[in-house]
């Protein structure tokens, strides 16, 4: 549950790949209403 995710995506307007990160926290019981 405590981890880091590294993402890659190709942005057409920039003409190259973009590298970014994100991580989860603040866990609360129950799922989101739209997932």
ModelCIF file with pLDDT and N, C-alpha, C, O atoms, coordinates in Angstrom:
data_MODEL
#
_entry.id   MODEL 
#
_entity.id                         1 
_entity.type                       polymer 
_entity.pdbx_number_of_molecules   1 
#
_entity_poly.entity_id                      1 
_entity_poly.type                           'polypeptide(L)' 
_entity_poly.nstd_linkage                   no 
_entity_poly.nstd_monomer                   no 
_entity_poly.pdbx_seq_one_letter_code       
;(UNK)(UNK)(UNK)(UNK)(UNK)(UNK)(UNK)(UNK)(UNK)(UNK)(UNK)(UNK)(UNK)(UNK)(UNK)(UNK)
(UNK)(UNK)(UNK)(UNK)(UNK)(UNK)(UNK)(UNK)(UNK)(UNK)(UNK)(UNK)(UNK)(UNK)(UNK)(UNK)
(UNK)(UNK)(UNK)
;
_entity_poly.pdbx_seq_one_letter_code_can   XXXXXXXXXXXXXXXXXXXXXXXXXXXXXXXXXXX 
_entity_poly.pdbx_strand_id                 A 
#
loop_
_entity_poly_seq.entity_id 
_entity_poly_seq.num 
_entity_poly_seq.mon_id 
_entity_poly_seq.hetero 
1 1  UNK n 
1 2  UNK n 
1 3  UNK n 
1 4  UNK n 
1 5  UNK n 
1 6  UNK n 
1 7  UNK n 
1 8  UNK n 
1 9  UNK n 
1 10 UNK n 
1 11 UNK n 
1 12 UNK n 
1 13 UNK n 
1 14 UNK n 
1 15 UNK n 
1 16 UNK n 
1 17 UNK n 
1 18 UNK n 
1 19 UNK n 
1 20 UNK n 
1 21 UNK n 
1 22 UNK n 
1 23 UNK n 
1 24 UNK n 
1 25 UNK n 
1 26 UNK n 
1 27 UNK n 
1 28 UNK n 
1 29 UNK n 
1 30 UNK n 
1 31 UNK n 
1 32 UNK n 
1 33 UNK n 
1 34 UNK n 
1 35 UNK n 
#
_struct_asym.id          A 
_struct_asym.entity_id   1 
#
loop_
_ma_qa_metric.id 
_ma_qa_metric.mode 
_ma_qa_metric.name 
_ma_qa_metric.software_group_id 
_ma_qa_metric.type 
1 global pLDDT . pLDDT 
2 local  pLDDT . pLDDT 
#
_ma_qa_metric_global.metric_id      1 
_ma_qa_metric_global.metric_value   95.46 
_ma_qa_metric_global.model_id       1 
_ma_qa_metric_global.ordinal_id     1 
#
loop_
_ma_qa_metric_local.label_asym_id 
_ma_qa_metric_local.label_comp_id 
_ma_qa_metric_local.label_seq_id 
_ma_qa_metric_local.metric_id 
_ma_qa_metric_local.metric_value 
_ma_qa_metric_local.model_id 
_ma_qa_metric_local.ordinal_id 
A UNK 1  2 94.00 1 1  
A UNK 2  2 95.00 1 2  
A UNK 3  2 97.00 1 3  
A UNK 4  2 97.00 1 4  
A UNK 5  2 98.00 1 5  
A UNK 6  2 98.00 1 6  
A UNK 7  2 97.00 1 7  
A UNK 8  2 97.00 1 8  
A UNK 9  2 97.00 1 9  
A UNK 10 2 97.00 1 10 
A UNK 11 2 95.00 1 11 
A UNK 12 2 94.00 1 12 
A UNK 13 2 93.00 1 13 
A UNK 14 2 93.00 1 14 
A UNK 15 2 94.00 1 15 
A UNK 16 2 95.00 1 16 
A UNK 17 2 96.00 1 17 
A UNK 18 2 96.00 1 18 
A UNK 19 2 97.00 1 19 
A UNK 20 2 98.00 1 20 
A UNK 21 2 98.00 1 21 
A UNK 22 2 98.00 1 22 
A UNK 23 2 98.00 1 23 
A UNK 24 2 97.00 1 24 
A UNK 25 2 96.00 1 25 
A UNK 26 2 95.00 1 26 
A UNK 27 2 96.00 1 27 
A UNK 28 2 95.00 1 28 
A UNK 29 2 94.00 1 29 
A UNK 30 2 93.00 1 30 
A UNK 31 2 91.00 1 31 
A UNK 32 2 94.00 1 32 
A UNK 33 2 91.00 1 33 
A UNK 34 2 93.00 1 34 
A UNK 35 2 94.00 1 35 
#
loop_
_atom_site.group_PDB 
_atom_site.id 
_atom_site.type_symbol 
_atom_site.label_atom_id 
_atom_site.label_alt_id 
_atom_site.label_comp_id 
_atom_site.label_asym_id 
_atom_site.label_entity_id 
_atom_site.label_seq_id 
_atom_site.pdbx_PDB_ins_code 
_atom_site.Cartn_x 
_atom_site.Cartn_y 
_atom_site.Cartn_z 
_atom_site.occupancy 
_atom_site.B_iso_or_equiv 
_atom_site.pdbx_formal_charge 
_atom_site.auth_seq_id 
_atom_site.auth_comp_id 
_atom_site.auth_asym_id 
_atom_site.auth_atom_id 
_atom_site.pdbx_PDB_model_num 
ATOM 1   N N  . UNK A 1 1  ? 0.818   -1.208 0.000   1.00 94.00 ? 1  UNK A N  1 
ATOM 2   C CA . UNK A 1 1  ? 0.000   0.000  0.000   1.00 94.00 ? 1  UNK A CA 1 
ATOM 3   C C  . UNK A 1 1  ? 0.855   1.262  0.000   1.00 94.00 ? 1  UNK A C  1 
ATOM 4   O O  . UNK A 1 1  ? 0.405   2.310  -0.465  1.00 94.00 ? 1  UNK A O  1 
ATOM 5   N N  . UNK A 1 2  ? 2.079   1.178  0.514   1.00 95.00 ? 2  UNK A N  1 
ATOM 6   C CA . UNK A 1 2  ? 3.001   2.313  0.514   1.00 95.00 ? 2  UNK A CA 1 
ATOM 7   C C  . UNK A 1 2  ? 4.042   2.065  -0.569  1.00 95.00 ? 2  UNK A C  1 
ATOM 8   O O  . UNK A 1 2  ? 5.018   1.348  -0.349  1.00 95.00 ? 2  UNK A O  1 
ATOM 9   N N  . UNK A 1 3  ? 3.828   2.662  -1.740  1.00 97.00 ? 3  UNK A N  1 
ATOM 10  C CA . UNK A 1 3  ? 4.687   2.398  -2.882  1.00 97.00 ? 3  UNK A CA 1 
ATOM 11  C C  . UNK A 1 3  ? 4.739   3.635  -3.774  1.00 97.00 ? 3  UNK A C  1 
ATOM 12  O O  . UNK A 1 3  ? 4.015   4.608  -3.563  1.00 97.00 ? 3  UNK A O  1 
ATOM 13  N N  . UNK A 1 4  ? 5.613   3.571  -4.774  1.00 97.00 ? 4  UNK A N  1 
ATOM 14  C CA . UNK A 1 4  ? 5.761   4.631  -5.764  1.00 97.00 ? 4  UNK A CA 1 
ATOM 15  C C  . UNK A 1 4  ? 5.544   4.015  -7.143  1.00 97.00 ? 4  UNK A C  1 
ATOM 16  O O  . UNK A 1 4  ? 6.073   2.944  -7.441  1.00 97.00 ? 4  UNK A O  1 
ATOM 17  N N  . UNK A 1 5  ? 4.768   4.692  -7.979  1.00 98.00 ? 5  UNK A N  1 
ATOM 18  C CA . UNK A 1 5  ? 4.510   4.239  -9.348  1.00 98.00 ? 5  UNK A CA 1 
ATOM 19  C C  . UNK A 1 5  ? 5.180   5.214  -10.305 1.00 98.00 ? 5  UNK A C  1 
ATOM 20  O O  . UNK A 1 5  ? 4.994   6.427  -10.202 1.00 98.00 ? 5  UNK A O  1 
ATOM 21  N N  . UNK A 1 6  ? 5.955   4.681  -11.230 1.00 98.00 ? 6  UNK A N  1 
ATOM 22  C CA . UNK A 1 6  ? 6.561   5.507  -12.280 1.00 98.00 ? 6  UNK A CA 1 
ATOM 23  C C  . UNK A 1 6  ? 5.806   5.271  -13.583 1.00 98.00 ? 6  UNK A C  1 
ATOM 24  O O  . UNK A 1 6  ? 5.702   4.138  -14.053 1.00 98.00 ? 6  UNK A O  1 
ATOM 25  N N  . UNK A 1 7  ? 5.278   6.351  -14.164 1.00 97.00 ? 7  UNK A N  1 
ATOM 26  C CA . UNK A 1 7  ? 4.505   6.248  -15.388 1.00 97.00 ? 7  UNK A CA 1 
ATOM 27  C C  . UNK A 1 7  ? 5.224   6.856  -16.578 1.00 97.00 ? 7  UNK A C  1 
ATOM 28  O O  . UNK A 1 7  ? 6.024   7.781  -16.439 1.00 97.00 ? 7  UNK A O  1 
ATOM 29  N N  . UNK A 1 8  ? 4.924   6.324  -17.736 1.00 97.00 ? 8  UNK A N  1 
ATOM 30  C CA . UNK A 1 8  ? 5.450   6.858  -18.994 1.00 97.00 ? 8  UNK A CA 1 
ATOM 31  C C  . UNK A 1 8  ? 4.290   6.983  -19.965 1.00 97.00 ? 8  UNK A C  1 
ATOM 32  O O  . UNK A 1 8  ? 3.435   6.101  -20.043 1.00 97.00 ? 8  UNK A O  1 
ATOM 33  N N  . UNK A 1 9  ? 4.265   8.078  -20.701 1.00 97.00 ? 9  UNK A N  1 
ATOM 34  C CA . UNK A 1 9  ? 3.248   8.264  -21.735 1.00 97.00 ? 9  UNK A CA 1 
ATOM 35  C C  . UNK A 1 9  ? 3.814   9.153  -22.837 1.00 97.00 ? 9  UNK A C  1 
ATOM 36  O O  . UNK A 1 9  ? 4.600   10.065 -22.578 1.00 97.00 ? 9  UNK A O  1 
ATOM 37  N N  . UNK A 1 10 ? 3.405   8.874  -24.059 1.00 97.00 ? 10 UNK A N  1 
ATOM 38  C CA . UNK A 1 10 ? 3.860   9.660  -25.205 1.00 97.00 ? 10 UNK A CA 1 
ATOM 39  C C  . UNK A 1 10 ? 2.862   10.794 -25.431 1.00 97.00 ? 10 UNK A C  1 
ATOM 40  O O  . UNK A 1 10 ? 1.677   10.557 -25.668 1.00 97.00 ? 10 UNK A O  1 
ATOM 41  N N  . UNK A 1 11 ? 3.360   12.037 -25.354 1.00 95.00 ? 11 UNK A N  1 
ATOM 42  C CA . UNK A 1 11 ? 2.529   13.223 -25.551 1.00 95.00 ? 11 UNK A CA 1 
ATOM 43  C C  . UNK A 1 11 ? 2.717   13.685 -27.000 1.00 95.00 ? 11 UNK A C  1 
ATOM 44  O O  . UNK A 1 11 ? 3.807   14.097 -27.394 1.00 95.00 ? 11 UNK A O  1 
ATOM 45  N N  . UNK A 1 12 ? 1.643   13.610 -27.780 1.00 94.00 ? 12 UNK A N  1 
ATOM 46  C CA . UNK A 1 12 ? 1.745   13.902 -29.207 1.00 94.00 ? 12 UNK A CA 1 
ATOM 47  C C  . UNK A 1 12 ? 2.105   15.359 -29.466 1.00 94.00 ? 12 UNK A C  1 
ATOM 48  O O  . UNK A 1 12 ? 2.865   15.642 -30.392 1.00 94.00 ? 12 UNK A O  1 
ATOM 49  N N  . UNK A 1 13 ? 1.578   16.296 -28.669 1.00 93.00 ? 13 UNK A N  1 
ATOM 50  C CA . UNK A 1 13 ? 1.876   17.714 -28.903 1.00 93.00 ? 13 UNK A CA 1 
ATOM 51  C C  . UNK A 1 13 ? 3.358   18.021 -28.657 1.00 93.00 ? 13 UNK A C  1 
ATOM 52  O O  . UNK A 1 13 ? 3.918   18.909 -29.299 1.00 93.00 ? 13 UNK A O  1 
ATOM 53  N N  . UNK A 1 14 ? 3.992   17.298 -27.740 1.00 93.00 ? 14 UNK A N  1 
ATOM 54  C CA . UNK A 1 14 ? 5.401   17.519 -27.438 1.00 93.00 ? 14 UNK A CA 1 
ATOM 55  C C  . UNK A 1 14 ? 6.310   16.670 -28.312 1.00 93.00 ? 14 UNK A C  1 
ATOM 56  O O  . UNK A 1 14 ? 7.496   16.966 -28.457 1.00 93.00 ? 14 UNK A O  1 
ATOM 57  N N  . UNK A 1 15 ? 5.756   15.618 -28.891 1.00 94.00 ? 15 UNK A N  1 
ATOM 58  C CA . UNK A 1 15 ? 6.548   14.759 -29.760 1.00 94.00 ? 15 UNK A CA 1 
ATOM 59  C C  . UNK A 1 15 ? 7.553   13.903 -29.011 1.00 94.00 ? 15 UNK A C  1 
ATOM 60  O O  . UNK A 1 15 ? 8.564   13.507 -29.592 1.00 94.00 ? 15 UNK A O  1 
ATOM 61  N N  . UNK A 1 16 ? 7.310   13.602 -27.738 1.00 95.00 ? 16 UNK A N  1 
ATOM 62  C CA . UNK A 1 16 ? 8.253   12.791 -26.959 1.00 95.00 ? 16 UNK A CA 1 
ATOM 63  C C  . UNK A 1 16 ? 7.525   12.130 -25.792 1.00 95.00 ? 16 UNK A C  1 
ATOM 64  O O  . UNK A 1 16 ? 6.355   12.398 -25.520 1.00 95.00 ? 16 UNK A O  1 
ATOM 65  N N  . UNK A 1 17 ? 8.271   11.253 -25.114 1.00 96.00 ? 17 UNK A N  1 
ATOM 66  C CA . UNK A 1 17 ? 7.744   10.558 -23.945 1.00 96.00 ? 17 UNK A CA 1 
ATOM 67  C C  . UNK A 1 17 ? 7.952   11.392 -22.685 1.00 96.00 ? 17 UNK A C  1 
ATOM 68  O O  . UNK A 1 17 ? 8.985   12.041 -22.520 1.00 96.00 ? 17 UNK A O  1 
ATOM 69  N N  . UNK A 1 18 ? 6.959   11.365 -21.803 1.00 96.00 ? 18 UNK A N  1 
ATOM 70  C CA . UNK A 1 18 ? 7.024   12.085 -20.531 1.00 96.00 ? 18 UNK A CA 1 
ATOM 71  C C  . UNK A 1 18 ? 7.055   11.060 -19.405 1.00 96.00 ? 18 UNK A C  1 
ATOM 72  O O  . UNK A 1 18 ? 6.283   10.101 -19.410 1.00 96.00 ? 18 UNK A O  1 
ATOM 73  N N  . UNK A 1 19 ? 7.948   11.264 -18.444 1.00 97.00 ? 19 UNK A N  1 
ATOM 74  C CA . UNK A 1 19 ? 8.080   10.374 -17.286 1.00 97.00 ? 19 UNK A CA 1 
ATOM 75  C C  . UNK A 1 19 ? 7.562   11.104 -16.047 1.00 97.00 ? 19 UNK A C  1 
ATOM 76  O O  . UNK A 1 19 ? 7.932   12.252 -15.799 1.00 97.00 ? 19 UNK A O  1 
ATOM 77  N N  . UNK A 1 20 ? 6.718   10.447 -15.281 1.00 98.00 ? 20 UNK A N  1 
ATOM 78  C CA . UNK A 1 20 ? 6.133   11.064 -14.084 1.00 98.00 ? 20 UNK A CA 1 
ATOM 79  C C  . UNK A 1 20 ? 5.981   10.008 -12.997 1.00 98.00 ? 20 UNK A C  1 
ATOM 80  O O  . UNK A 1 20 ? 6.255   8.830  -13.227 1.00 98.00 ? 20 UNK A O  1 
ATOM 81  N N  . UNK A 1 21 ? 5.546   10.430 -11.816 1.00 98.00 ? 21 UNK A N  1 
ATOM 82  C CA . UNK A 1 21 ? 5.404   9.541  -10.660 1.00 98.00 ? 21 UNK A CA 1 
ATOM 83  C C  . UNK A 1 21 ? 4.079   9.842  -9.960  1.00 98.00 ? 21 UNK A C  1 
ATOM 84  O O  . UNK A 1 21 ? 3.507   10.920 -10.121 1.00 98.00 ? 21 UNK A O  1 
ATOM 85  N N  . UNK A 1 22 ? 3.609   8.874  -9.187  1.00 98.00 ? 22 UNK A N  1 
ATOM 86  C CA . UNK A 1 22 ? 2.501   9.119  -8.265  1.00 98.00 ? 22 UNK A CA 1 
ATOM 87  C C  . UNK A 1 22 ? 2.500   8.023  -7.203  1.00 98.00 ? 22 UNK A C  1 
ATOM 88  O O  . UNK A 1 22 ? 3.086   6.957  -7.386  1.00 98.00 ? 22 UNK A O  1 
ATOM 89  N N  . UNK A 1 23 ? 1.827   8.310  -6.089  1.00 98.00 ? 23 UNK A N  1 
ATOM 90  C CA . UNK A 1 23 ? 1.764   7.345  -4.989  1.00 98.00 ? 23 UNK A CA 1 
ATOM 91  C C  . UNK A 1 23 ? 0.419   7.487  -4.283  1.00 98.00 ? 23 UNK A C  1 
ATOM 92  O O  . UNK A 1 23 ? -0.152  8.577  -4.259  1.00 98.00 ? 23 UNK A O  1 
ATOM 93  N N  . UNK A 1 24 ? -0.097  6.389  -3.701  1.00 97.00 ? 24 UNK A N  1 
ATOM 94  C CA . UNK A 1 24 ? -1.382  6.428  -2.986  1.00 97.00 ? 24 UNK A CA 1 
ATOM 95  C C  . UNK A 1 24 ? -1.179  6.607  -1.485  1.00 97.00 ? 24 UNK A C  1 
ATOM 96  O O  . UNK A 1 24 ? -0.168  6.171  -0.934  1.00 97.00 ? 24 UNK A O  1 
ATOM 97  N N  . UNK A 1 25 ? -2.140  7.247  -0.827  1.00 96.00 ? 25 UNK A N  1 
ATOM 98  C CA . UNK A 1 25 ? -2.188  7.298  0.631   1.00 96.00 ? 25 UNK A CA 1 
ATOM 99  C C  . UNK A 1 25 ? -3.608  7.661  1.053   1.00 96.00 ? 25 UNK A C  1 
ATOM 100 O O  . UNK A 1 25 ? -4.507  7.730  0.216   1.00 96.00 ? 25 UNK A O  1 
ATOM 101 N N  . UNK A 1 26 ? -3.812  7.893  2.352   1.00 95.00 ? 26 UNK A N  1 
ATOM 102 C CA . UNK A 1 26 ? -5.111  8.284  2.891   1.00 95.00 ? 26 UNK A CA 1 
ATOM 103 C C  . UNK A 1 26 ? -6.194  7.255  2.529   1.00 95.00 ? 26 UNK A C  1 
ATOM 104 O O  . UNK A 1 26 ? -7.221  7.599  1.944   1.00 95.00 ? 26 UNK A O  1 
ATOM 105 N N  . UNK A 1 27 ? -5.945  5.990  2.886   1.00 96.00 ? 27 UNK A N  1 
ATOM 106 C CA . UNK A 1 27 ? -6.881  4.923  2.568   1.00 96.00 ? 27 UNK A CA 1 
ATOM 107 C C  . UNK A 1 27 ? -8.110  4.994  3.474   1.00 96.00 ? 27 UNK A C  1 
ATOM 108 O O  . UNK A 1 27 ? -7.999  5.167  4.688   1.00 96.00 ? 27 UNK A O  1 
ATOM 109 N N  . UNK A 1 28 ? -9.280  4.855  2.855   1.00 95.00 ? 28 UNK A N  1 
ATOM 110 C CA . UNK A 1 28 ? -10.546 4.838  3.578   1.00 95.00 ? 28 UNK A CA 1 
ATOM 111 C C  . UNK A 1 28 ? -11.375 3.662  3.085   1.00 95.00 ? 28 UNK A C  1 
ATOM 112 O O  . UNK A 1 28 ? -11.391 3.351  1.894   1.00 95.00 ? 28 UNK A O  1 
ATOM 113 N N  . UNK A 1 29 ? -12.069 3.007  4.028   1.00 94.00 ? 29 UNK A N  1 
ATOM 114 C CA . UNK A 1 29 ? -12.823 1.802  3.701   1.00 94.00 ? 29 UNK A CA 1 
ATOM 115 C C  . UNK A 1 29 ? -13.933 2.128  2.714   1.00 94.00 ? 29 UNK A C  1 
ATOM 116 O O  . UNK A 1 29 ? -14.625 3.136  2.858   1.00 94.00 ? 29 UNK A O  1 
ATOM 117 N N  . UNK A 1 30 ? -14.100 1.269  1.708   1.00 93.00 ? 30 UNK A N  1 
ATOM 118 C CA . UNK A 1 30 ? -15.139 1.443  0.701   1.00 93.00 ? 30 UNK A CA 1 
ATOM 119 C C  . UNK A 1 30 ? -14.560 1.909  -0.616  1.00 93.00 ? 30 UNK A C  1 
ATOM 120 O O  . UNK A 1 30 ? -13.498 2.532  -0.647  1.00 93.00 ? 30 UNK A O  1 
ATOM 121 N N  . UNK A 1 31 ? -15.254 1.609  -1.709  1.00 91.00 ? 31 UNK A N  1 
ATOM 122 C CA . UNK A 1 31 ? -14.765 1.957  -3.037  1.00 91.00 ? 31 UNK A CA 1 
ATOM 123 C C  . UNK A 1 31 ? -15.360 3.275  -3.507  1.00 91.00 ? 31 UNK A C  1 
ATOM 124 O O  . UNK A 1 31 ? -16.410 3.693  -3.018  1.00 91.00 ? 31 UNK A O  1 
ATOM 125 N N  . UNK A 1 32 ? -14.687 3.944  -4.469  1.00 94.00 ? 32 UNK A N  1 
ATOM 126 C CA . UNK A 1 32 ? -15.265 5.159  -5.046  1.00 94.00 ? 32 UNK A CA 1 
ATOM 127 C C  . UNK A 1 32 ? -16.580 4.856  -5.769  1.00 94.00 ? 32 UNK A C  1 
ATOM 128 O O  . UNK A 1 32 ? -16.782 3.754  -6.279  1.00 94.00 ? 32 UNK A O  1 
ATOM 129 N N  . UNK A 1 33 ? -17.453 5.836  -5.803  1.00 91.00 ? 33 UNK A N  1 
ATOM 130 C CA . UNK A 1 33 ? -18.777 5.603  -6.383  1.00 91.00 ? 33 UNK A CA 1 
ATOM 131 C C  . UNK A 1 33 ? -18.729 5.389  -7.891  1.00 91.00 ? 33 UNK A C  1 
ATOM 132 O O  . UNK A 1 33 ? -19.613 4.745  -8.455  1.00 91.00 ? 33 UNK A O  1 
ATOM 133 N N  . UNK A 1 34 ? -17.692 5.928  -8.551  1.00 93.00 ? 34 UNK A N  1 
ATOM 134 C CA . UNK A 1 34 ? -17.626 5.836  -10.009 1.00 93.00 ? 34 UNK A CA 1 
ATOM 135 C C  . UNK A 1 34 ? -16.608 4.818  -10.491 1.00 93.00 ? 34 UNK A C  1 
ATOM 136 O O  . UNK A 1 34 ? -16.196 4.870  -11.650 1.00 93.00 ? 34 UNK A O  1 
ATOM 137 N N  . UNK A 1 35 ? -16.186 3.882  -9.624  1.00 94.00 ? 35 UNK A N  1 
ATOM 138 C CA . UNK A 1 35 ? -15.258 2.827  -10.019 1.00 94.00 ? 35 UNK A CA 1 
ATOM 139 C C  . UNK A 1 35 ? -15.815 1.475  -9.596  1.00 94.00 ? 35 UNK A C  1 
ATOM 140 O O  . UNK A 1 35 ? -15.184 0.445  -9.836  1.00 94.00 ? 35 UNK A O  1 
#
